[in-house]
Amino acid sequence: MPISYRIYTIGRGGHVLGAPDVVECADDKEAVGKAMRLAGGLDVEIWDHNRLVEPISGIPPRYRLRSVVE
């Protein structure tokens, strides 16, 4: 039986942007794959009811700004 996952787009400051996309998936792995395709370069979080499945950064690590600590 499929599980309903909610995929939230996360904006600057960690705030949710708009209503979530709801997707039906067999398991967490399938939900992560769908979320990665829907992300479109934005940060997203995947939720199964009150359980955070996985946060996904839309910016590849090599392009993120790094803070310099001296």
PDB file of N, CA and C in Angstrom:
ATOM      1  N   MET A   1       0.843  -1.177   0.000  1.00  0.00           N
ATOM      2  CA  MET A   1       0.000   0.000   0.000  1.00  0.00           C
ATOM      3  C   MET A   1       0.894   1.248   0.000  1.00  0.00           C
ATOM      4  N   PRO A   2       0.654   2.180  -0.904  1.00  0.00           N
ATOM      5  CA  PRO A   2       1.496   3.385  -0.993  1.00  0.00           C
ATOM      6  C   PRO A   2       1.370   4.264   0.250  1.00  0.00           C
ATOM      7  N   ILE A   3       2.425   4.989   0.502  1.00  0.00           N
ATOM      8  CA  ILE A   3       2.490   5.929   1.619  1.00  0.00           C
ATOM      9  C   ILE A   3       2.415   7.342   1.042  1.00  0.00           C
ATOM     10  N   SER A   4       1.654   8.214   1.680  1.00  0.00           N
ATOM     11  CA  SER A   4       1.572   9.622   1.262  1.00  0.00           C
ATOM     12  C   SER A   4       2.695  10.404   1.937  1.00  0.00           C
ATOM     13  N   TYR A   5       3.582  10.946   1.128  1.00  0.00           N
ATOM     14  CA  TYR A   5       4.676  11.785   1.628  1.00  0.00           C
ATOM     15  C   TYR A   5       4.388  13.231   1.255  1.00  0.00           C
ATOM     16  N   ARG A   6       4.806  14.156   2.113  1.00  0.00           N
ATOM     17  CA  ARG A   6       4.685  15.583   1.814  1.00  0.00           C
ATOM     18  C   ARG A   6       6.080  16.124   1.554  1.00  0.00           C
ATOM     19  N   ILE A   7       6.230  16.853   0.464  1.00  0.00           N
ATOM     20  CA  ILE A   7       7.519  17.449   0.104  1.00  0.00           C
ATOM     21  C   ILE A   7       7.371  18.960   0.208  1.00  0.00           C
ATOM     22  N   TYR A   8       8.084  19.537   1.167  1.00  0.00           N
ATOM     23  CA  TYR A   8       8.024  20.974   1.416  1.00  0.00           C
ATOM     24  C   TYR A   8       9.219  21.672   0.786  1.00  0.00           C
ATOM     25  N   THR A   9       8.974  22.772   0.101  1.00  0.00           N
ATOM     26  CA  THR A   9      10.051  23.610  -0.418  1.00  0.00           C
ATOM     27  C   THR A   9      10.455  24.567   0.698  1.00  0.00           C
ATOM     28  N   ILE A  10      11.757  24.662   0.929  1.00  0.00           N
ATOM     29  CA  ILE A  10      12.290  25.473   2.023  1.00  0.00           C
ATOM     30  C   ILE A  10      13.011  26.685   1.448  1.00  0.00           C
ATOM     31  N   GLY A  11      12.633  27.861   1.932  1.00  0.00           N
ATOM     32  CA  GLY A  11      13.246  29.098   1.469  1.00  0.00           C
ATOM     33  C   GLY A  11      14.342  29.569   2.403  1.00  0.00           C
ATOM     34  N   ARG A  12      14.801  30.775   2.154  1.00  0.00           N
ATOM     35  CA  ARG A  12      15.839  31.368   3.009  1.00  0.00           C
ATOM     36  C   ARG A  12      15.355  31.437   4.440  1.00  0.00           C
ATOM     37  N   GLY A  13      16.256  31.223   5.355  1.00  0.00           N
ATOM     38  CA  GLY A  13      15.910  31.266   6.766  1.00  0.00           C
ATOM     39  C   GLY A  13      15.172  30.029   7.250  1.00  0.00           C
ATOM     40  N   GLY A  14      15.048  29.017   6.383  1.00  0.00           N
ATOM     41  CA  GLY A  14      14.425  27.774   6.782  1.00  0.00           C
ATOM     42  C   GLY A  14      12.912  27.793   6.803  1.00  0.00           C
ATOM     43  N   HIS A  15      12.300  28.793   6.173  1.00  0.00           N
ATOM     44  CA  HIS A  15      10.844  28.897   6.158  1.00  0.00           C
ATOM     45  C   HIS A  15      10.241  28.108   4.998  1.00  0.00           C
ATOM     46  N   VAL A  16       9.098  27.478   5.251  1.00  0.00           N
ATOM     47  CA  VAL A  16       8.384  26.711   4.233  1.00  0.00           C
ATOM     48  C   VAL A  16       7.734  27.679   3.246  1.00  0.00           C
ATOM     49  N   LEU A  17       7.891  27.380   1.960  1.00  0.00           N
ATOM     50  CA  LEU A  17       7.299  28.200   0.906  1.00  0.00           C
ATOM     51  C   LEU A  17       6.073  27.499   0.340  1.00  0.00           C
ATOM     52  N   GLY A  18       4.903  27.983   0.635  1.00  0.00           N
ATOM     53  CA  GLY A  18       3.678  27.451   0.054  1.00  0.00           C
ATOM     54  C   GLY A  18       3.274  26.091   0.593  1.00  0.00           C
ATOM     55  N   ALA A  19       2.283  25.525  -0.063  1.00  0.00           N
ATOM     56  CA  ALA A  19       1.751  24.213   0.318  1.00  0.00           C
ATOM     57  C   ALA A  19       2.687  23.104  -0.167  1.00  0.00           C
ATOM     58  N   PRO A  20       2.699  21.975   0.534  1.00  0.00           N
ATOM     59  CA  PRO A  20       3.578  20.878   0.111  1.00  0.00           C
ATOM     60  C   PRO A  20       3.045  20.159  -1.120  1.00  0.00           C
ATOM     61  N   ASP A  21       3.956  19.514  -1.839  1.00  0.00           N
ATOM     62  CA  ASP A  21       3.568  18.565  -2.877  1.00  0.00           C
ATOM     63  C   ASP A  21       3.325  17.243  -2.156  1.00  0.00           C
ATOM     64  N   VAL A  22       2.249  16.582  -2.473  1.00  0.00           N
ATOM     65  CA  VAL A  22       1.942  15.279  -1.878  1.00  0.00           C
ATOM     66  C   VAL A  22       2.179  14.228  -2.945  1.00  0.00           C
ATOM     67  N   VAL A  23       3.001  13.230  -2.607  1.00  0.00           N
ATOM     68  CA  VAL A  23       3.315  12.156  -3.546  1.00  0.00           C
ATOM     69  C   VAL A  23       3.048  10.811  -2.873  1.00  0.00           C
ATOM     70  N   GLU A  24       2.623   9.862  -3.662  1.00  0.00           N
ATOM     71  CA  GLU A  24       2.384   8.496  -3.188  1.00  0.00           C
ATOM     72  C   GLU A  24       3.583   7.651  -3.592  1.00  0.00           C
ATOM     73  N   CYS A  25       4.209   7.007  -2.622  1.00  0.00           N
ATOM     74  CA  CYS A  25       5.400   6.198  -2.895  1.00  0.00           C
ATOM     75  C   CYS A  25       5.341   4.905  -2.096  1.00  0.00           C
ATOM     76  N   ALA A  26       6.075   3.909  -2.573  1.00  0.00           N
ATOM     77  CA  ALA A  26       6.134   2.617  -1.896  1.00  0.00           C
ATOM     78  C   ALA A  26       6.989   2.671  -0.636  1.00  0.00           C
ATOM     79  N   ASP A  27       8.039   3.530  -0.665  1.00  0.00           N
ATOM     80  CA  ASP A  27       8.951   3.589   0.479  1.00  0.00           C
ATOM     81  C   ASP A  27       9.727   4.909   0.470  1.00  0.00           C
ATOM     82  N   ASP A  28      10.567   5.094   1.500  1.00  0.00           N
ATOM     83  CA  ASP A  28      11.352   6.319   1.635  1.00  0.00           C
ATOM     84  C   ASP A  28      12.266   6.558   0.439  1.00  0.00           C
ATOM     85  N   LYS A  29      12.884   5.496  -0.056  1.00  0.00           N
ATOM     86  CA  LYS A  29      13.826   5.631  -1.172  1.00  0.00           C
ATOM     87  C   LYS A  29      13.138   6.219  -2.403  1.00  0.00           C
ATOM     88  N   GLU A  30      11.949   5.737  -2.706  1.00  0.00           N
ATOM     89  CA  GLU A  30      11.203   6.261  -3.847  1.00  0.00           C
ATOM     90  C   GLU A  30      10.803   7.719  -3.607  1.00  0.00           C
ATOM     91  N   ALA A  31      10.433   8.048  -2.378  1.00  0.00           N
ATOM     92  CA  ALA A  31      10.056   9.425  -2.039  1.00  0.00           C
ATOM     93  C   ALA A  31      11.232  10.379  -2.209  1.00  0.00           C
ATOM     94  N   VAL A  32      12.416   9.950  -1.819  1.00  0.00           N
ATOM     95  CA  VAL A  32      13.622  10.783  -1.976  1.00  0.00           C
ATOM     96  C   VAL A  32      13.885  11.018  -3.465  1.00  0.00           C
ATOM     97  N   GLY A  33      13.756   9.998  -4.279  1.00  0.00           N
ATOM     98  CA  GLY A  33      13.968  10.152  -5.720  1.00  0.00           C
ATOM     99  C   GLY A  33      12.998  11.143  -6.336  1.00  0.00           C
ATOM    100  N   LYS A  34      11.716  11.041  -5.968  1.00  0.00           N
ATOM    101  CA  LYS A  34      10.728  11.987  -6.490  1.00  0.00           C
ATOM    102  C   LYS A  34      11.002  13.400  -6.003  1.00  0.00           C
ATOM    103  N   ALA A  35      11.393  13.534  -4.753  1.00  0.00           N
ATOM    104  CA  ALA A  35      11.685  14.861  -4.196  1.00  0.00           C
ATOM    105  C   ALA A  35      12.868  15.508  -4.903  1.00  0.00           C
ATOM    106  N   MET A  36      13.871  14.725  -5.221  1.00  0.00           N
ATOM    107  CA  MET A  36      15.045  15.265  -5.912  1.00  0.00           C
ATOM    108  C   MET A  36      14.656  15.786  -7.294  1.00  0.00           C
ATOM    109  N   ARG A  37      13.744  15.108  -7.963  1.00  0.00           N
ATOM    110  CA  ARG A  37      13.288  15.571  -9.273  1.00  0.00           C
ATOM    111  C   ARG A  37      12.417  16.821  -9.153  1.00  0.00           C
ATOM    112  N   LEU A  38      11.627  16.910  -8.092  1.00  0.00           N
ATOM    113  CA  LEU A  38      10.749  18.065  -7.893  1.00  0.00           C
ATOM    114  C   LEU A  38      11.484  19.298  -7.366  1.00  0.00           C
ATOM    115  N   ALA A  39      12.636  19.088  -6.737  1.00  0.00           N
ATOM    116  CA  ALA A  39      13.330  20.176  -6.042  1.00  0.00           C
ATOM    117  C   ALA A  39      13.694  21.336  -6.962  1.00  0.00           C
ATOM    118  N   GLY A  40      14.107  21.062  -8.170  1.00  0.00           N
ATOM    119  CA  GLY A  40      14.433  22.124  -9.112  1.00  0.00           C
ATOM    120  C   GLY A  40      15.468  23.105  -8.599  1.00  0.00           C
ATOM    121  N   GLY A  41      16.461  22.618  -7.886  1.00  0.00           N
ATOM    122  CA  GLY A  41      17.523  23.486  -7.385  1.00  0.00           C
ATOM    123  C   GLY A  41      17.212  24.138  -6.048  1.00  0.00           C
ATOM    124  N   LEU A  42      16.056  23.845  -5.477  1.00  0.00           N
ATOM    125  CA  LEU A  42      15.679  24.418  -4.182  1.00  0.00           C
ATOM    126  C   LEU A  42      15.843  23.382  -3.079  1.00  0.00           C
ATOM    127  N   ASP A  43      15.946  23.851  -1.848  1.00  0.00           N
ATOM    128  CA  ASP A  43      15.991  22.943  -0.705  1.00  0.00           C
ATOM    129  C   ASP A  43      14.588  22.402  -0.454  1.00  0.00           C
ATOM    130  N   VAL A  44      14.493  21.123  -0.118  1.00  0.00           N
ATOM    131  CA  VAL A  44      13.210  20.518   0.217  1.00  0.00           C
ATOM    132  C   VAL A  44      13.362  19.620   1.438  1.00  0.00           C
ATOM    133  N   GLU A  45      12.240  19.356   2.088  1.00  0.00           N
ATOM    134  CA  GLU A  45      12.181  18.379   3.176  1.00  0.00           C
ATOM    135  C   GLU A  45      11.066  17.398   2.843  1.00  0.00           C
ATOM    136  N   ILE A  46      11.328  16.127   3.109  1.00  0.00           N
ATOM    137  CA  ILE A  46      10.355  15.075   2.863  1.00  0.00           C
ATOM    138  C   ILE A  46       9.816  14.609   4.215  1.00  0.00           C
ATOM    139  N   TRP A  47       8.496  14.594   4.340  1.00  0.00           N
ATOM    140  CA  TRP A  47       7.861  14.205   5.591  1.00  0.00           C
ATOM    141  C   TRP A  47       6.878  13.062   5.366  1.00  0.00           C
ATOM    142  N   ASP A  48       6.879  12.128   6.297  1.00  0.00           N
ATOM    143  CA  ASP A  48       5.883  11.059   6.387  1.00  0.00           C
ATOM    144  C   ASP A  48       5.165  11.303   7.710  1.00  0.00           C
ATOM    145  N   HIS A  49       4.032  11.951   7.651  1.00  0.00           N
ATOM    146  CA  HIS A  49       3.277  12.402   8.832  1.00  0.00           C
ATOM    147  C   HIS A  49       4.190  13.304   9.672  1.00  0.00           C
ATOM    148  N   ASN A  50       4.525  12.912  10.911  1.00  0.00           N
ATOM    149  CA  ASN A  50       5.373  13.766  11.750  1.00  0.00           C
ATOM    150  C   ASN A  50       6.845  13.338  11.746  1.00  0.00           C
ATOM    151  N   ARG A  51       7.222  12.478  10.813  1.00  0.00           N
ATOM    152  CA  ARG A  51       8.605  11.983  10.714  1.00  0.00           C
ATOM    153  C   ARG A  51       9.302  12.640   9.528  1.00  0.00           C
ATOM    154  N   LEU A  52      10.407  13.332   9.834  1.00  0.00           N
ATOM    155  CA  LEU A  52      11.236  13.898   8.775  1.00  0.00           C
ATOM    156  C   LEU A  52      12.012  12.757   8.140  1.00  0.00           C
ATOM    157  N   VAL A  53      11.741  12.503   6.866  1.00  0.00           N
ATOM    158  CA  VAL A  53      12.414  11.412   6.154  1.00  0.00           C
ATOM    159  C   VAL A  53      13.822  11.853   5.781  1.00  0.00           C
ATOM    160  N   GLU A  54      13.913  13.017   5.120  1.00  0.00           N
ATOM    161  CA  GLU A  54      15.233  13.509   4.716  1.00  0.00           C
ATOM    162  C   GLU A  54      15.138  14.949   4.207  1.00  0.00           C
ATOM    163  N   PRO A  55      16.066  15.809   4.668  1.00  0.00           N
ATOM    164  CA  PRO A  55      16.175  17.130   4.056  1.00  0.00           C
ATOM    165  C   PRO A  55      17.110  17.016   2.849  1.00  0.00           C
ATOM    166  N   ILE A  56      16.797  17.730   1.776  1.00  0.00           N
ATOM    167  CA  ILE A  56      17.622  17.687   0.569  1.00  0.00           C
ATOM    168  C   ILE A  56      18.001  19.103   0.190  1.00  0.00           C
ATOM    169  N   SER A  57      19.296  19.332   0.050  1.00  0.00           N
ATOM    170  CA  SER A  57      19.777  20.640  -0.378  1.00  0.00           C
ATOM    171  C   SER A  57      19.745  20.702  -1.895  1.00  0.00           C
ATOM    172  N   GLY A  58      19.175  21.775  -2.419  1.00  0.00           N
ATOM    173  CA  GLY A  58      19.076  21.932  -3.863  1.00  0.00           C
ATOM    174  C   GLY A  58      20.356  22.416  -4.506  1.00  0.00           C
ATOM    175  N   ILE A  59      21.300  22.864  -3.686  1.00  0.00           N
ATOM    176  CA  ILE A  59      22.563  23.374  -4.211  1.00  0.00           C
ATOM    177  C   ILE A  59      23.647  22.320  -3.963  1.00  0.00           C
ATOM    178  N   PRO A  60      24.286  21.833  -5.008  1.00  0.00           N
ATOM    179  CA  PRO A  60      25.349  20.845  -4.805  1.00  0.00           C
ATOM    180  C   PRO A  60      26.430  21.399  -3.875  1.00  0.00           C
ATOM    181  N   PRO A  61      26.997  20.562  -3.007  1.00  0.00           N
ATOM    182  CA  PRO A  61      27.996  21.029  -2.035  1.00  0.00           C
ATOM    183  C   PRO A  61      29.140  21.830  -2.642  1.00  0.00           C
ATOM    184  N   ARG A  62      29.569  21.505  -3.851  1.00  0.00           N
ATOM    185  CA  ARG A  62      30.707  22.213  -4.427  1.00  0.00           C
ATOM    186  C   ARG A  62      30.387  23.670  -4.772  1.00  0.00           C
ATOM    187  N   TYR A  63      29.081  24.007  -4.849  1.00  0.00           N
ATOM    188  CA  TYR A  63      28.689  25.373  -5.180  1.00  0.00           C
ATOM    189  C   TYR A  63      28.257  26.192  -3.962  1.00  0.00           C
ATOM    190  N   ARG A  64      28.199  25.580  -2.795  1.00  0.00           N
ATOM    191  CA  ARG A  64      27.799  26.292  -1.598  1.00  0.00           C
ATOM    192  C   ARG A  64      28.909  27.216  -1.125  1.00  0.00           C
ATOM    193  N   LEU A  65      28.511  28.345  -0.573  1.00  0.00           N
ATOM    194  CA  LEU A  65      29.501  29.250  -0.003  1.00  0.00           C
ATOM    195  C   LEU A  65      30.018  28.631   1.283  1.00  0.00           C
ATOM    196  N   ARG A  66      31.312  28.710   1.467  1.00  0.00           N
ATOM    197  CA  ARG A  66      31.917  28.168   2.676  1.00  0.00           C
ATOM    198  C   ARG A  66      32.365  29.316   3.560  1.00  0.00           C
ATOM    199  N   SER A  67      32.118  29.172   4.841  1.00  0.00           N
ATOM    200  CA  SER A  67      32.615  30.202   5.753  1.00  0.00           C
ATOM    201  C   SER A  67      34.076  29.901   6.049  1.00  0.00           C
ATOM    202  N   VAL A  68      34.833  30.937   6.161  1.00  0.00           N
ATOM    203  CA  VAL A  68      36.261  30.797   6.434  1.00  0.00           C
ATOM    204  C   VAL A  68      36.500  31.119   7.904  1.00  0.00           C
ATOM    205  N   VAL A  69      37.059  30.184   8.620  1.00  0.00           N
ATOM    206  CA  VAL A  69      37.380  30.382  10.037  1.00  0.00           C
ATOM    207  C   VAL A  69      38.885  30.415  10.167  1.00  0.00           C
ATOM    208  N   GLU A  70      39.365  31.480  10.781  1.00  0.00           N
ATOM    209  CA  GLU A  70      40.821  31.592  10.954  1.00  0.00           C
ATOM    210  C   GLU A  70      41.183  31.475  12.396  1.00  0.00           C
TER     211      GLU A  70
END
